[in-house]
Amino acid sequence: MGGGLLAWLSASFSQSAPRWIALLALIADFLIVSNIWVNQGGVSLSAQNAWIEDVNYSWIPQFGMNFHLAMDGISLVMLSLTFFLGILSVLVSWKSIQKNLGFFHFNILWLLAGISGVFLAMDMMLFYFFWEIMLVPMYFVMVIWGHENSKYAGWKFFLFTQISGLMMLLSILGLYYYHGSQTGEYTFDYFKLLSNLPNGSTAFWLMCGFLAAFLVKLPALPFHSWLPDAYAESPSAGSIIIAGLMSKTAAYGLIRFVVPLFPEAAQSIAIPAILIGALAILYGAKLSYAQRNLKRLIAFSSFSHMGFILVGVFSFNMLAFQGVMMQMVAHGLSIAGLFIISEFIFERTGTLDMNEMGGFWKNMPNMGGFTLVFVMASLGLPGLANFVSEFLTLAGAWQYDVLLAVLATLGLIVSVTYSLRILQKIFHQSPSVKEWTLPDFNAREWLVMGSLTVAIIWLGLFPQSVIGTAQSAFDKMELIQMESQDQPQEIGMNEILIETNELSN
């Protein structure tokens, strides 16, 4: 946040200063998190000591609010992804953003600060505070620096997320008063709330408030109508952050809050949730194939891939949760790569209409090669990170419900259609408007796409670097695999509560 204020103030002295301040601040954050990963996150943490860092200060004690931040393996992985994509967002915007540079980088850094807070907050009111912090700067980024219809997209995004966020706030307050009425202690502390959970209809309706916020932000069917406008009308930095990071805060919320806080209620909606996820995979692929605007195509492909998150979370076994963890990282990298490529094409051609493109491989073979990598990642080619995430998710879903797993697996087939369409329409079809003469990648673009490519190939070959880091957190939750497909209810949720309650003590 301090870097954002400094970037804003520095604009009055230098046009280039906000860019460099934002870039250096994010590099510093990334190095700090990388150092933690190397020194602590890379080792096998035990379930009894799953938390790498824990900071807890009194905030508003009269209302039971603390400034409580804690980092485990899941948080560590997501923070690393946040700062990595943040660095790339600044680099991608280096030339395309020319107005109000100080305010732009202020909003980008505060947006990333809100996302980081979501991944760390262990006080429910603090979590809501960071959840709302994400909203305002993203709205400004979208409306001020977006494309032609950015104001409409911004208001749509704001209303969807604000209304659903208020529903989550009501559920947080419900948990607060329920715990207070049962124990005499009114608190928003996550670990204390875990020690006395509601059940029955109370748990179901409180869970619905959280689901409203998370399913809208993911987004899930049928709450996705804000997505194509927001993704397509945002500047590329905004698209990268919404698709690559903000949607992951929703996936994180499902893992961190919905399943542990409402275990029985979550089990009761598992089949409908997996079905919605499977249908979103197929429906999103259909919508993606029908688009002629490149960013809208990528937006709907992101919606399709987010269906795997729902399938994995509500399969309730360790294999599926490992797949969800990998999907959050792999999708963040691959969707960022595709949006960055769309930005580089827009900078050269001034259009996102694929019907006006064609024959780009002749002039831009390097761009074509990188596009091929991320298109192959999107369709789940073995050897790339997305294949690992989708395989683990579907293998976990198979253990829970074979029919729904088969339905979700069809998404691997239909994703080929829209993924290959990107290559065919942009790089190989004959130009329908004119013969394009375009420059290939420069050094900055090589750096951005090269780093993303290395990351997605590395995780495809060595996924344990992510799974192993997050494993202690999953062990802490004791999300054990089901022994039989015929007994999906035997999931060990009591063990989740026992193990997590030990942490609060």
Protein backbone atom coordinates (compact mmCIF):
# COMPACT_ATOMS: atom_id res chain seq x y z
CA MET A 1 0.00 0.00 0.00
CA GLY A 2 2.89 2.33 0.77
CA GLY A 3 4.32 1.68 -2.68
CA GLY A 4 0.99 2.66 -4.21
CA LEU A 5 0.89 5.98 -2.39
CA LEU A 6 4.51 6.69 -3.36
CA ALA A 7 3.79 5.85 -7.01
CA TRP A 8 0.82 8.22 -7.02
CA LEU A 9 2.75 11.08 -5.45
CA SER A 10 5.79 10.59 -7.68
CA ALA A 11 3.76 11.27 -10.84
CA SER A 12 4.01 15.01 -10.25
CA PHE A 13 7.81 14.81 -10.52
CA SER A 14 8.36 12.23 -13.24
CA GLN A 15 6.29 10.35 -15.79
CA SER A 16 8.39 7.21 -15.52
CA ALA A 17 8.72 7.16 -11.72
CA PRO A 18 5.30 5.51 -10.99
CA ARG A 19 6.15 2.60 -13.29
CA TRP A 20 9.53 2.00 -11.68
CA ILE A 21 8.25 2.40 -8.12
CA ALA A 22 5.41 -0.07 -8.74
CA LEU A 23 7.74 -2.54 -10.45
CA LEU A 24 10.40 -2.37 -7.74
CA ALA A 25 7.82 -2.66 -4.94
CA LEU A 26 6.36 -5.81 -6.48
CA ILE A 27 9.79 -7.30 -7.15
CA ALA A 28 10.69 -6.70 -3.50
CA ASP A 29 7.46 -8.40 -2.37
CA PHE A 30 8.09 -11.32 -4.70
CA LEU A 31 11.63 -11.76 -3.41
CA ILE A 32 10.43 -11.72 0.20
CA VAL A 33 7.81 -14.39 -0.48
CA SER A 34 10.32 -16.42 -2.53
CA ASN A 35 12.76 -16.31 0.37
CA ILE A 36 10.07 -17.62 2.72
CA TRP A 37 9.27 -20.39 0.23
CA VAL A 38 12.92 -21.43 -0.10
CA ASN A 39 13.67 -21.30 3.63
CA GLN A 40 10.42 -22.64 5.06
CA GLY A 41 7.77 -23.40 2.50
CA GLY A 42 9.94 -25.81 0.58
CA VAL A 43 10.35 -28.17 3.54
CA SER A 44 7.73 -30.66 4.65
CA LEU A 45 5.75 -28.94 7.36
CA SER A 46 3.85 -31.19 9.73
CA ALA A 47 0.11 -31.00 10.17
CA GLN A 48 0.69 -29.80 13.74
CA ASN A 49 2.86 -26.92 12.50
CA ALA A 50 1.21 -26.02 9.21
CA TRP A 51 1.41 -22.26 9.73
CA ILE A 52 4.59 -20.63 8.48
CA GLU A 53 3.89 -17.14 9.82
CA ASP A 54 1.26 -15.87 12.27
CA VAL A 55 0.72 -12.22 13.28
CA ASN A 56 -2.09 -11.26 15.62
CA TYR A 57 -2.70 -7.75 17.03
CA SER A 58 -5.71 -6.31 18.78
CA TRP A 59 -7.67 -4.16 16.34
CA ILE A 60 -11.12 -3.29 17.75
CA PRO A 61 -11.31 -5.41 20.92
CA GLN A 62 -14.75 -4.08 21.89
CA PHE A 63 -16.19 -6.00 18.94
CA GLY A 64 -13.82 -8.96 19.00
CA MET A 65 -11.85 -7.84 15.93
CA ASN A 66 -8.14 -8.56 15.60
CA PHE A 67 -5.60 -7.77 12.92
CA HIS A 68 -4.83 -11.46 12.45
CA LEU A 69 -2.76 -12.58 9.46
CA ALA A 70 -1.42 -16.10 9.02
CA MET A 71 0.40 -17.90 6.23
CA ASP A 72 0.35 -21.59 5.45
CA GLY A 73 1.36 -23.43 2.30
CA ILE A 74 -1.80 -22.46 0.41
CA SER A 75 -1.34 -18.77 1.24
CA LEU A 76 2.36 -18.93 0.34
CA VAL A 77 1.68 -20.34 -3.12
CA MET A 78 -1.09 -17.82 -3.83
CA LEU A 79 1.00 -14.86 -2.65
CA SER A 80 3.83 -15.96 -4.94
CA LEU A 81 1.39 -16.08 -7.86
CA THR A 82 -0.03 -12.67 -6.88
CA PHE A 83 3.29 -10.84 -6.92
CA PHE A 84 4.55 -12.68 -10.01
CA LEU A 85 1.48 -11.74 -12.07
CA GLY A 86 1.58 -8.25 -10.52
CA ILE A 87 5.08 -7.74 -11.89
CA LEU A 88 3.97 -8.90 -15.33
CA SER A 89 0.90 -6.61 -15.20
CA VAL A 90 3.14 -3.58 -14.69
CA LEU A 91 5.49 -4.66 -17.49
CA VAL A 92 2.62 -5.28 -19.91
CA SER A 93 1.21 -1.80 -19.19
CA TRP A 94 4.59 -0.10 -19.70
CA LYS A 95 3.64 1.39 -23.06
CA SER A 96 -0.11 0.94 -23.31
CA ILE A 97 -0.98 3.10 -20.26
CA GLN A 98 -0.03 6.74 -20.83
CA LYS A 99 -2.56 8.81 -18.85
CA ASN A 100 -2.79 9.28 -15.09
CA LEU A 101 0.18 7.00 -14.53
CA GLY A 102 0.45 7.70 -10.83
CA PHE A 103 -3.20 6.93 -10.13
CA PHE A 104 -3.09 3.83 -12.33
CA HIS A 105 -0.18 2.26 -10.47
CA PHE A 106 -1.68 3.34 -7.14
CA ASN A 107 -4.81 1.36 -7.99
CA ILE A 108 -2.86 -1.65 -9.25
CA LEU A 109 -0.79 -1.86 -6.05
CA TRP A 110 -3.78 -1.36 -3.74
CA LEU A 111 -5.69 -3.98 -5.70
CA LEU A 112 -2.83 -6.44 -5.24
CA ALA A 113 -2.63 -5.49 -1.55
CA GLY A 114 -6.32 -6.37 -1.15
CA ILE A 115 -5.79 -9.71 -2.88
CA SER A 116 -2.79 -10.45 -0.64
CA GLY A 117 -4.84 -9.61 2.44
CA VAL A 118 -7.58 -12.02 1.38
CA PHE A 119 -5.01 -14.83 1.22
CA LEU A 120 -3.72 -14.01 4.71
CA ALA A 121 -6.64 -12.77 6.84
CA MET A 122 -7.69 -15.03 9.72
CA ASP A 123 -10.16 -12.56 11.24
CA MET A 124 -13.46 -12.73 9.37
CA MET A 125 -14.11 -9.00 9.49
CA LEU A 126 -10.54 -8.33 8.32
CA PHE A 127 -11.12 -10.81 5.51
CA TYR A 128 -14.24 -8.88 4.47
CA PHE A 129 -12.28 -5.62 4.67
CA PHE A 130 -9.67 -6.92 2.22
CA TRP A 131 -12.40 -8.45 0.05
CA GLU A 132 -13.95 -5.02 -0.37
CA ILE A 133 -10.59 -3.29 -0.88
CA MET A 134 -10.23 -5.27 -4.11
CA LEU A 135 -13.44 -3.85 -5.52
CA VAL A 136 -12.84 -0.08 -5.67
CA PRO A 137 -9.40 0.03 -7.34
CA MET A 138 -10.49 -2.62 -9.85
CA TYR A 139 -13.49 -0.48 -10.73
CA PHE A 140 -11.26 2.55 -11.35
CA VAL A 141 -8.78 0.53 -13.44
CA MET A 142 -11.60 -0.80 -15.57
CA VAL A 143 -13.51 2.47 -16.07
CA ILE A 144 -10.64 4.95 -16.52
CA TRP A 145 -8.21 2.88 -18.60
CA GLY A 146 -10.56 0.36 -20.21
CA HIS A 147 -11.94 0.09 -23.70
CA GLU A 148 -15.02 1.59 -25.34
CA ASN A 149 -17.74 0.11 -23.11
CA SER A 150 -15.70 0.08 -19.91
CA LYS A 151 -18.14 2.20 -17.88
CA TYR A 152 -20.98 -0.24 -18.46
CA ALA A 153 -18.68 -3.17 -17.66
CA GLY A 154 -17.39 -1.41 -14.54
CA TRP A 155 -20.84 -0.77 -13.10
CA LYS A 156 -21.93 -4.31 -13.87
CA PHE A 157 -18.85 -5.71 -12.15
CA PHE A 158 -19.32 -3.36 -9.18
CA LEU A 159 -22.98 -4.23 -8.60
CA PHE A 160 -22.51 -7.99 -8.89
CA THR A 161 -19.56 -8.11 -6.53
CA GLN A 162 -20.86 -5.51 -4.07
CA ILE A 163 -24.27 -7.12 -3.61
CA SER A 164 -22.82 -10.62 -3.23
CA GLY A 165 -20.18 -9.27 -0.84
CA LEU A 166 -22.88 -7.77 1.37
CA MET A 167 -24.54 -11.18 1.55
CA MET A 168 -21.25 -12.62 2.79
CA LEU A 169 -21.06 -9.85 5.41
CA LEU A 170 -24.47 -10.89 6.72
CA SER A 171 -23.22 -14.46 7.05
CA ILE A 172 -20.08 -13.30 8.87
CA LEU A 173 -22.25 -11.38 11.31
CA GLY A 174 -24.45 -14.44 11.67
CA LEU A 175 -21.44 -16.55 12.65
CA TYR A 176 -20.35 -13.83 15.06
CA TYR A 177 -23.70 -13.74 16.89
CA TYR A 178 -24.14 -17.50 16.82
CA HIS A 179 -20.74 -18.07 18.43
CA GLY A 180 -21.43 -15.35 20.98
CA SER A 181 -24.83 -16.76 21.91
CA GLN A 182 -23.35 -20.24 22.37
CA THR A 183 -20.12 -19.38 24.21
CA GLY A 184 -20.56 -15.86 25.56
CA GLU A 185 -17.52 -14.71 23.55
CA TYR A 186 -18.24 -12.48 20.57
CA THR A 187 -15.36 -12.78 18.14
CA PHE A 188 -14.52 -12.77 14.44
CA ASP A 189 -11.46 -14.97 14.88
CA TYR A 190 -11.51 -17.78 12.33
CA PHE A 191 -10.03 -20.43 14.61
CA LYS A 192 -12.39 -19.66 17.49
CA LEU A 193 -15.38 -19.76 15.16
CA LEU A 194 -14.27 -23.23 14.07
CA SER A 195 -14.61 -24.47 17.63
CA ASN A 196 -18.37 -23.95 17.73
CA LEU A 197 -20.00 -24.40 14.35
CA PRO A 198 -23.71 -24.06 13.54
CA ASN A 199 -25.61 -26.96 12.04
CA GLY A 200 -28.85 -27.73 10.29
CA SER A 201 -30.69 -24.95 8.49
CA THR A 202 -28.66 -22.27 10.29
CA ALA A 203 -25.44 -23.60 8.79
CA PHE A 204 -27.03 -23.92 5.36
CA TRP A 205 -28.25 -20.33 5.18
CA LEU A 206 -25.03 -18.91 6.58
CA MET A 207 -23.10 -20.92 4.00
CA CYS A 208 -25.28 -19.47 1.24
CA GLY A 209 -24.03 -15.98 2.05
CA PHE A 210 -20.42 -17.07 1.57
CA LEU A 211 -21.31 -19.00 -1.56
CA ALA A 212 -23.00 -15.95 -3.06
CA ALA A 213 -19.78 -13.94 -2.82
CA PHE A 214 -17.49 -16.74 -3.95
CA LEU A 215 -19.62 -18.03 -6.83
CA VAL A 216 -20.06 -14.54 -8.26
CA LYS A 217 -16.36 -13.75 -8.04
CA LEU A 218 -15.28 -17.16 -9.41
CA PRO A 219 -17.60 -16.83 -11.47
CA ALA A 220 -19.86 -19.88 -11.60
CA LEU A 221 -22.94 -20.61 -13.65
CA PRO A 222 -25.36 -18.77 -13.64
CA PHE A 223 -23.59 -15.77 -12.02
CA HIS A 224 -21.17 -15.20 -14.91
CA SER A 225 -22.92 -12.53 -16.98
CA TRP A 226 -20.59 -9.79 -15.70
CA LEU A 227 -17.50 -11.71 -16.81
CA PRO A 228 -17.24 -11.16 -20.60
CA ASP A 229 -17.75 -7.41 -20.34
CA ALA A 230 -15.36 -6.97 -17.40
CA TYR A 231 -12.61 -9.12 -18.90
CA ALA A 232 -12.92 -7.71 -22.42
CA GLU A 233 -13.29 -4.03 -21.53
CA SER A 234 -10.53 -3.87 -18.91
CA PRO A 235 -6.99 -2.88 -19.84
CA SER A 236 -4.77 -5.93 -20.03
CA ALA A 237 -3.37 -5.40 -16.52
CA GLY A 238 -6.93 -5.44 -15.22
CA SER A 239 -7.83 -8.55 -17.23
CA ILE A 240 -4.75 -10.37 -15.93
CA ILE A 241 -5.56 -9.52 -12.32
CA ILE A 242 -9.30 -10.30 -12.52
CA ALA A 243 -8.88 -13.62 -14.33
CA GLY A 244 -5.53 -14.68 -12.91
CA LEU A 245 -5.93 -13.53 -9.29
CA MET A 246 -9.33 -12.20 -8.24
CA SER A 247 -11.13 -15.33 -9.40
CA LYS A 248 -8.65 -17.33 -7.29
CA THR A 249 -9.69 -15.46 -4.15
CA ALA A 250 -13.10 -17.08 -4.62
CA ALA A 251 -11.57 -20.54 -5.05
CA TYR A 252 -9.46 -19.88 -1.96
CA GLY A 253 -12.57 -18.86 -0.04
CA LEU A 254 -14.29 -22.13 -0.89
CA ILE A 255 -11.33 -24.11 0.44
CA ARG A 256 -10.56 -21.97 3.47
CA PHE A 257 -14.03 -21.04 4.70
CA VAL A 258 -16.96 -22.89 3.12
CA VAL A 259 -15.71 -26.46 3.59
CA PRO A 260 -14.25 -26.11 7.14
CA LEU A 261 -16.96 -23.80 8.53
CA PHE A 262 -19.96 -25.62 7.04
CA PRO A 263 -18.89 -29.24 6.47
CA GLU A 264 -22.32 -30.87 6.59
CA ALA A 265 -24.04 -28.12 4.61
CA ALA A 266 -21.30 -28.24 1.98
CA GLN A 267 -21.74 -32.01 1.63
CA SER A 268 -25.47 -31.56 1.17
CA ILE A 269 -24.97 -29.46 -1.99
CA ALA A 270 -22.01 -31.42 -3.37
CA ILE A 271 -23.83 -33.12 -6.25
CA PRO A 272 -25.55 -29.93 -7.52
CA ALA A 273 -22.28 -27.99 -7.18
CA ILE A 274 -20.30 -30.56 -9.18
CA LEU A 275 -23.05 -30.63 -11.80
CA ILE A 276 -22.97 -26.83 -12.10
CA GLY A 277 -19.18 -26.98 -12.45
CA ALA A 278 -19.37 -29.63 -15.18
CA LEU A 279 -22.04 -27.71 -17.08
CA ALA A 280 -19.99 -24.51 -16.80
CA ILE A 281 -17.01 -26.30 -18.37
CA LEU A 282 -19.10 -27.30 -21.39
CA TYR A 283 -21.21 -24.14 -21.68
CA GLY A 284 -18.18 -21.88 -21.34
CA ALA A 285 -16.42 -23.76 -24.12
CA LYS A 286 -19.44 -23.32 -26.39
CA LEU A 287 -19.63 -19.59 -25.70
CA SER A 288 -15.89 -19.22 -26.19
CA TYR A 289 -15.97 -20.85 -29.61
CA ALA A 290 -18.73 -18.47 -30.76
CA GLN A 291 -16.74 -15.27 -30.11
CA ARG A 292 -14.96 -13.15 -32.71
CA ASN A 293 -13.48 -10.71 -30.17
CA LEU A 294 -10.23 -12.24 -28.92
CA LYS A 295 -10.53 -11.05 -25.32
CA ARG A 296 -14.14 -12.24 -25.04
CA LEU A 297 -13.05 -15.65 -26.34
CA ILE A 298 -10.35 -15.80 -23.66
CA ALA A 299 -12.84 -14.57 -21.04
CA PHE A 300 -15.29 -17.38 -21.74
CA SER A 301 -12.46 -19.93 -21.79
CA SER A 302 -11.57 -18.72 -18.29
CA PHE A 303 -15.19 -19.21 -17.21
CA SER A 304 -15.03 -22.74 -18.60
CA HIS A 305 -11.87 -23.62 -16.71
CA MET A 306 -13.25 -22.25 -13.45
CA GLY A 307 -15.79 -25.06 -13.57
CA PHE A 308 -12.97 -27.42 -12.59
CA ILE A 309 -12.67 -25.51 -9.30
CA LEU A 310 -16.23 -26.36 -8.30
CA VAL A 311 -15.82 -29.96 -9.41
CA GLY A 312 -12.67 -30.34 -7.30
CA VAL A 313 -13.76 -28.53 -4.15
CA PHE A 314 -17.02 -30.43 -3.79
CA SER A 315 -15.49 -33.84 -4.52
CA PHE A 316 -14.19 -33.81 -0.92
CA ASN A 317 -11.02 -35.85 -1.25
CA MET A 318 -7.33 -35.09 -1.13
CA LEU A 319 -6.66 -35.80 -4.80
CA ALA A 320 -9.31 -33.32 -5.92
CA PHE A 321 -8.07 -30.64 -3.52
CA GLN A 322 -4.55 -31.03 -4.87
CA GLY A 323 -6.03 -30.57 -8.33
CA VAL A 324 -7.81 -27.39 -7.22
CA MET A 325 -4.55 -26.03 -5.83
CA MET A 326 -2.76 -26.73 -9.11
CA GLN A 327 -5.69 -25.35 -11.12
CA MET A 328 -5.54 -22.03 -9.28
CA VAL A 329 -1.87 -21.62 -10.18
CA ALA A 330 -1.92 -23.18 -13.65
CA HIS A 331 -5.00 -21.29 -14.78
CA GLY A 332 -3.59 -18.05 -13.36
CA LEU A 333 -0.46 -18.46 -15.48
CA SER A 334 -2.12 -19.67 -18.68
CA ILE A 335 -4.96 -17.13 -18.72
CA ALA A 336 -2.47 -14.34 -17.99
CA GLY A 337 -0.38 -15.50 -20.96
CA LEU A 338 -3.37 -15.40 -23.30
CA PHE A 339 -4.49 -11.95 -22.15
CA ILE A 340 -0.94 -10.63 -22.51
CA ILE A 341 -0.77 -11.96 -26.07
CA SER A 342 -4.09 -10.23 -26.81
CA GLU A 343 -2.59 -6.97 -25.53
CA PHE A 344 0.50 -7.31 -27.71
CA ILE A 345 -1.71 -7.97 -30.75
CA PHE A 346 -3.96 -5.00 -29.92
CA GLU A 347 -0.92 -2.70 -29.58
CA ARG A 348 0.17 -3.70 -33.10
CA THR A 349 -3.16 -3.84 -34.92
CA GLY A 350 -5.56 -1.65 -32.96
CA THR A 351 -8.23 -4.38 -33.10
CA LEU A 352 -9.34 -7.47 -31.21
CA ASP A 353 -11.61 -8.71 -34.02
CA MET A 354 -10.20 -12.04 -35.14
CA ASN A 355 -12.00 -11.77 -38.48
CA GLU A 356 -9.71 -8.86 -39.32
CA MET A 357 -6.59 -10.83 -38.47
CA GLY A 358 -4.76 -13.61 -40.21
CA GLY A 359 -1.34 -14.64 -41.45
CA PHE A 360 0.48 -13.31 -38.38
CA TRP A 361 2.84 -16.27 -38.15
CA LYS A 362 4.74 -15.07 -41.20
CA ASN A 363 5.70 -11.76 -39.58
CA MET A 364 5.61 -12.77 -35.90
CA PRO A 365 6.84 -16.36 -35.53
CA ASN A 366 8.04 -15.73 -31.98
CA MET A 367 4.60 -14.51 -30.92
CA GLY A 368 3.08 -17.47 -32.71
CA GLY A 369 5.35 -19.88 -30.86
CA PHE A 370 4.48 -18.47 -27.46
CA THR A 371 0.78 -18.43 -28.37
CA LEU A 372 1.07 -22.11 -29.27
CA VAL A 373 2.44 -22.88 -25.80
CA PHE A 374 -0.44 -21.20 -23.99
CA VAL A 375 -3.08 -22.54 -26.35
CA MET A 376 -1.74 -26.03 -25.69
CA ALA A 377 -1.76 -25.30 -21.96
CA SER A 378 -5.39 -24.19 -22.18
CA LEU A 379 -6.48 -27.43 -23.82
CA GLY A 380 -4.54 -29.50 -21.26
CA LEU A 381 -1.52 -30.80 -23.16
CA PRO A 382 0.55 -33.26 -21.06
CA GLY A 383 3.79 -31.72 -19.86
CA LEU A 384 2.17 -28.38 -19.03
CA ALA A 385 0.72 -27.31 -15.68
CA ASN A 386 -2.95 -27.33 -16.74
CA PHE A 387 -2.83 -31.03 -17.59
CA VAL A 388 -1.70 -31.89 -14.06
CA SER A 389 -4.39 -29.76 -12.44
CA GLU A 390 -7.22 -31.09 -14.56
CA PHE A 391 -6.07 -34.70 -14.28
CA LEU A 392 -5.91 -34.53 -10.48
CA THR A 393 -9.28 -32.78 -10.26
CA LEU A 394 -11.02 -35.28 -12.51
CA ALA A 395 -9.36 -38.24 -10.78
CA GLY A 396 -10.68 -36.92 -7.46
CA ALA A 397 -14.14 -36.34 -8.96
CA TRP A 398 -14.12 -39.92 -10.28
CA GLN A 399 -13.77 -41.17 -6.71
CA TYR A 400 -16.83 -39.15 -5.69
CA ASP A 401 -19.21 -39.58 -8.64
CA VAL A 402 -18.28 -41.40 -11.84
CA LEU A 403 -21.06 -39.99 -14.03
CA LEU A 404 -20.36 -36.35 -13.15
CA ALA A 405 -16.63 -36.94 -13.57
CA VAL A 406 -17.25 -38.26 -17.09
CA LEU A 407 -19.39 -35.21 -17.87
CA ALA A 408 -16.65 -32.86 -16.65
CA THR A 409 -14.04 -34.80 -18.63
CA LEU A 410 -15.82 -33.87 -21.85
CA GLY A 411 -14.48 -30.38 -21.19
CA LEU A 412 -11.01 -31.60 -22.13
CA ILE A 413 -12.37 -32.45 -25.56
CA VAL A 414 -14.40 -29.32 -26.24
CA SER A 415 -11.56 -27.06 -25.09
CA VAL A 416 -9.66 -28.13 -28.20
CA THR A 417 -12.19 -26.32 -30.40
CA TYR A 418 -11.77 -22.80 -29.08
CA SER A 419 -8.08 -23.19 -28.26
CA LEU A 420 -7.09 -24.18 -31.80
CA ARG A 421 -9.42 -21.51 -33.20
CA ILE A 422 -7.12 -18.86 -31.73
CA LEU A 423 -4.17 -20.20 -33.68
CA GLN A 424 -6.10 -20.74 -36.87
CA LYS A 425 -7.87 -17.37 -37.00
CA ILE A 426 -4.96 -15.19 -35.94
CA PHE A 427 -1.84 -16.85 -37.24
CA HIS A 428 -2.76 -19.17 -40.11
CA GLN A 429 -5.87 -18.06 -41.98
CA SER A 430 -5.41 -15.82 -45.00
CA PRO A 431 -5.77 -12.13 -44.11
CA SER A 432 -9.35 -11.07 -44.83
CA VAL A 433 -8.77 -7.32 -44.62
CA LYS A 434 -5.19 -6.59 -45.57
CA GLU A 435 -1.71 -7.98 -45.53
CA TRP A 436 -0.32 -7.20 -42.09
CA THR A 437 3.28 -6.14 -41.63
CA LEU A 438 3.90 -6.34 -37.92
CA PRO A 439 6.98 -6.30 -35.67
CA ASP A 440 7.77 -9.41 -33.65
CA PHE A 441 8.60 -9.48 -29.94
CA ASN A 442 10.94 -6.93 -28.38
CA ALA A 443 13.10 -7.54 -25.30
CA ARG A 444 10.38 -6.55 -22.79
CA GLU A 445 7.86 -8.86 -24.43
CA TRP A 446 10.38 -11.70 -24.53
CA LEU A 447 10.97 -11.26 -20.80
CA VAL A 448 7.26 -11.34 -19.96
CA MET A 449 6.31 -14.30 -22.12
CA GLY A 450 9.54 -16.17 -21.45
CA SER A 451 9.05 -16.07 -17.68
CA LEU A 452 5.45 -17.27 -18.00
CA THR A 453 6.48 -20.08 -20.32
CA VAL A 454 9.21 -21.27 -17.97
CA ALA A 455 6.75 -21.25 -15.07
CA ILE A 456 4.04 -23.22 -16.82
CA ILE A 457 6.45 -25.82 -18.19
CA TRP A 458 8.23 -26.15 -14.83
CA LEU A 459 4.96 -26.80 -13.01
CA GLY A 460 3.92 -29.26 -15.70
CA LEU A 461 7.09 -31.27 -15.12
CA PHE A 462 7.50 -30.67 -11.38
CA PRO A 463 4.00 -30.07 -9.93
CA GLN A 464 5.17 -31.26 -6.52
CA SER A 465 6.82 -27.86 -5.99
CA VAL A 466 3.28 -26.47 -5.53
CA ILE A 467 1.46 -29.53 -4.22
CA GLY A 468 4.17 -30.31 -1.66
CA THR A 469 4.21 -26.76 -0.34
CA ALA A 470 0.44 -26.73 0.17
CA GLN A 471 0.19 -30.32 1.37
CA SER A 472 0.67 -29.57 5.07
CA ALA A 473 -2.33 -27.24 4.94
CA PHE A 474 -4.46 -29.98 3.42
CA ASP A 475 -3.14 -32.48 5.93
CA LYS A 476 -4.19 -30.06 8.65
CA MET A 477 -7.71 -30.12 7.31
CA GLU A 478 -7.57 -33.93 7.12
CA LEU A 479 -9.35 -34.03 3.78
CA ILE A 480 -8.82 -37.76 3.29
CA GLN A 481 -9.62 -39.65 0.12
CA MET A 482 -12.82 -41.69 0.02
CA GLU A 483 -12.31 -45.42 0.24
CA SER A 484 -15.36 -46.22 -1.81
CA GLN A 485 -17.29 -44.52 -4.58
CA ASP A 486 -20.47 -45.84 -3.00
CA GLN A 487 -19.93 -44.05 0.32
CA PRO A 488 -19.32 -40.37 -0.52
CA GLN A 489 -20.61 -39.31 2.87
CA GLU A 490 -17.65 -40.88 4.70
CA ILE A 491 -15.33 -37.97 4.19
CA GLY A 492 -13.81 -37.43 7.59
CA MET A 493 -15.21 -33.97 8.28
CA ASN A 494 -15.06 -34.57 12.01
CA GLU A 495 -11.34 -34.99 11.62
CA ILE A 496 -11.21 -31.62 9.87
CA LEU A 497 -12.71 -29.91 12.91
CA ILE A 498 -10.62 -31.84 15.43
CA GLU A 499 -7.35 -31.04 13.70
CA THR A 500 -8.22 -27.41 13.04
CA ASN A 501 -9.41 -26.86 16.60
CA GLU A 502 -6.03 -28.08 17.86
CA LEU A 503 -4.45 -25.23 15.92
CA SER A 504 -6.57 -22.62 17.71
CA ASN A 505 -5.43 -23.99 21.04
